[in-house]
Amino acid sequence: MIRQFTVQYAKTDEKDSTHWPTVGRAFEDKKRITVKLDSLPISSEWDGRLFLYEIKEH
């Protein structure tokens, strides 16, 4: 079974509100996760952590 994830990262703006831009997708197959980024999310606020959120099948 292949599990799918959205890939997001935390970005804080000047008003200290946090946004979670989606920057790609990830797939887990046989206990290996492959991350495919649409673009590299480089910004001055980025602390280098990507967050994976599982896509629930309905």
N, C-alpha and C. Protein backbone atom coordinates (compact mmCIF):
# COMPACT_ATOMS: atom_id res chain seq x y z
N MET A 1 0.84 -1.19 0.00
CA MET A 1 0.00 0.00 0.00
C MET A 1 0.88 1.25 0.00
N ILE A 2 0.52 2.20 -0.82
CA ILE A 2 1.27 3.45 -0.90
C ILE A 2 0.48 4.53 -0.16
N ARG A 3 1.14 5.18 0.78
CA ARG A 3 0.52 6.30 1.49
C ARG A 3 0.99 7.60 0.86
N GLN A 4 0.08 8.57 0.78
CA GLN A 4 0.42 9.87 0.21
C GLN A 4 0.40 10.94 1.29
N PHE A 5 1.26 11.92 1.13
CA PHE A 5 1.34 13.04 2.07
C PHE A 5 1.41 14.34 1.29
N THR A 6 0.92 15.41 1.90
CA THR A 6 1.26 16.73 1.40
C THR A 6 2.47 17.21 2.18
N VAL A 7 3.32 17.99 1.54
CA VAL A 7 4.53 18.50 2.18
C VAL A 7 4.34 20.00 2.40
N GLN A 8 4.46 20.43 3.66
CA GLN A 8 4.29 21.84 3.97
C GLN A 8 5.43 22.30 4.86
N TYR A 9 5.59 23.61 4.96
CA TYR A 9 6.55 24.15 5.93
C TYR A 9 5.94 25.37 6.58
N ALA A 10 6.45 25.71 7.75
CA ALA A 10 5.90 26.83 8.52
C ALA A 10 6.59 28.12 8.11
N LYS A 11 5.79 29.12 7.83
CA LYS A 11 6.34 30.44 7.50
C LYS A 11 5.61 31.47 8.35
N THR A 12 6.37 32.27 9.07
CA THR A 12 5.78 33.29 9.94
C THR A 12 5.95 34.66 9.28
N ASP A 13 4.87 35.42 9.22
CA ASP A 13 4.96 36.75 8.61
C ASP A 13 5.23 37.82 9.68
N GLU A 14 5.22 39.08 9.24
CA GLU A 14 5.55 40.18 10.14
C GLU A 14 4.56 40.31 11.29
N LYS A 15 3.32 39.85 11.08
CA LYS A 15 2.30 39.95 12.13
C LYS A 15 2.32 38.74 13.05
N ASP A 16 3.33 37.91 12.94
CA ASP A 16 3.46 36.70 13.76
C ASP A 16 2.33 35.70 13.55
N SER A 17 1.73 35.71 12.38
CA SER A 17 0.77 34.64 12.08
C SER A 17 1.47 33.62 11.19
N THR A 18 1.20 32.37 11.45
CA THR A 18 1.90 31.29 10.75
C THR A 18 1.05 30.78 9.59
N HIS A 19 1.70 30.63 8.46
CA HIS A 19 1.05 30.07 7.27
C HIS A 19 1.72 28.74 6.97
N TRP A 20 1.00 27.87 6.32
CA TRP A 20 1.52 26.55 5.99
C TRP A 20 1.44 26.32 4.49
N PRO A 21 2.35 26.92 3.73
CA PRO A 21 2.31 26.70 2.28
C PRO A 21 2.60 25.24 1.93
N THR A 22 1.86 24.74 0.97
CA THR A 22 2.13 23.39 0.45
C THR A 22 3.21 23.51 -0.62
N VAL A 23 4.29 22.75 -0.47
CA VAL A 23 5.42 22.90 -1.37
C VAL A 23 5.71 21.62 -2.16
N GLY A 24 4.87 20.61 -2.01
CA GLY A 24 5.09 19.39 -2.78
C GLY A 24 4.28 18.24 -2.24
N ARG A 25 4.66 17.04 -2.69
CA ARG A 25 3.99 15.82 -2.27
C ARG A 25 5.03 14.80 -1.81
N ALA A 26 4.57 13.85 -1.03
CA ALA A 26 5.46 12.76 -0.59
C ALA A 26 4.69 11.46 -0.71
N PHE A 27 5.43 10.39 -0.96
CA PHE A 27 4.85 9.06 -1.10
C PHE A 27 5.64 8.08 -0.26
N GLU A 28 4.95 7.22 0.46
CA GLU A 28 5.62 6.19 1.24
C GLU A 28 5.29 4.84 0.63
N ASP A 29 6.32 4.09 0.28
CA ASP A 29 6.14 2.76 -0.30
C ASP A 29 7.21 1.85 0.30
N LYS A 30 6.78 0.76 0.92
CA LYS A 30 7.71 -0.19 1.53
C LYS A 30 8.63 0.50 2.53
N LYS A 31 8.04 1.33 3.39
CA LYS A 31 8.75 2.02 4.47
C LYS A 31 9.81 3.00 3.98
N ARG A 32 9.69 3.43 2.75
CA ARG A 32 10.59 4.45 2.23
C ARG A 32 9.75 5.64 1.78
N ILE A 33 10.12 6.82 2.23
CA ILE A 33 9.35 8.02 1.87
C ILE A 33 10.13 8.81 0.82
N THR A 34 9.45 9.12 -0.27
CA THR A 34 10.03 9.94 -1.32
C THR A 34 9.32 11.28 -1.33
N VAL A 35 10.09 12.35 -1.19
CA VAL A 35 9.52 13.70 -1.18
C VAL A 35 9.78 14.34 -2.54
N LYS A 36 8.73 14.89 -3.14
CA LYS A 36 8.87 15.59 -4.41
C LYS A 36 8.44 17.03 -4.19
N LEU A 37 9.40 17.93 -4.17
CA LEU A 37 9.11 19.35 -3.94
C LEU A 37 8.81 20.03 -5.27
N ASP A 38 7.81 20.92 -5.25
CA ASP A 38 7.53 21.72 -6.44
C ASP A 38 8.65 22.73 -6.66
N SER A 39 9.14 23.30 -5.58
CA SER A 39 10.28 24.21 -5.61
C SER A 39 10.88 24.21 -4.21
N LEU A 40 12.10 24.67 -4.09
CA LEU A 40 12.74 24.67 -2.78
C LEU A 40 12.20 25.84 -1.97
N PRO A 41 11.61 25.58 -0.80
CA PRO A 41 10.98 26.66 -0.02
C PRO A 41 11.99 27.45 0.80
N ILE A 42 12.79 28.23 0.13
CA ILE A 42 13.82 29.00 0.83
C ILE A 42 13.28 30.40 1.13
N SER A 43 13.34 30.77 2.38
CA SER A 43 12.99 32.14 2.78
C SER A 43 13.75 32.44 4.06
N SER A 44 13.78 33.70 4.43
CA SER A 44 14.54 34.07 5.63
C SER A 44 13.93 33.49 6.89
N GLU A 45 12.62 33.19 6.85
CA GLU A 45 11.96 32.65 8.04
C GLU A 45 12.03 31.13 8.12
N TRP A 46 12.45 30.48 7.05
CA TRP A 46 12.38 29.02 7.00
C TRP A 46 13.46 28.42 7.89
N ASP A 47 13.06 27.50 8.79
CA ASP A 47 14.04 26.92 9.72
C ASP A 47 14.54 25.56 9.26
N GLY A 48 14.18 25.15 8.05
CA GLY A 48 14.72 23.92 7.50
C GLY A 48 13.89 22.68 7.74
N ARG A 49 12.72 22.82 8.37
CA ARG A 49 11.90 21.65 8.64
C ARG A 49 10.73 21.57 7.68
N LEU A 50 10.55 20.40 7.10
CA LEU A 50 9.38 20.15 6.27
C LEU A 50 8.41 19.30 7.07
N PHE A 51 7.13 19.50 6.86
CA PHE A 51 6.11 18.76 7.59
C PHE A 51 5.30 17.94 6.60
N LEU A 52 5.10 16.67 6.92
CA LEU A 52 4.31 15.79 6.06
C LEU A 52 2.95 15.58 6.70
N TYR A 53 1.91 15.77 5.91
CA TYR A 53 0.55 15.54 6.38
C TYR A 53 -0.08 14.47 5.51
N GLU A 54 -0.56 13.41 6.14
CA GLU A 54 -1.11 12.30 5.38
C GLU A 54 -2.43 12.68 4.74
N ILE A 55 -2.59 12.30 3.49
CA ILE A 55 -3.84 12.51 2.78
C ILE A 55 -4.75 11.33 3.10
N LYS A 56 -5.88 11.61 3.72
CA LYS A 56 -6.81 10.53 4.09
C LYS A 56 -7.68 10.17 2.89
N GLU A 57 -7.76 8.89 2.63
CA GLU A 57 -8.63 8.42 1.55
C GLU A 57 -10.06 8.40 2.05
N HIS A 58 -10.98 8.94 1.26
CA HIS A 58 -12.39 8.96 1.67
C HIS A 58 -13.13 7.85 0.95
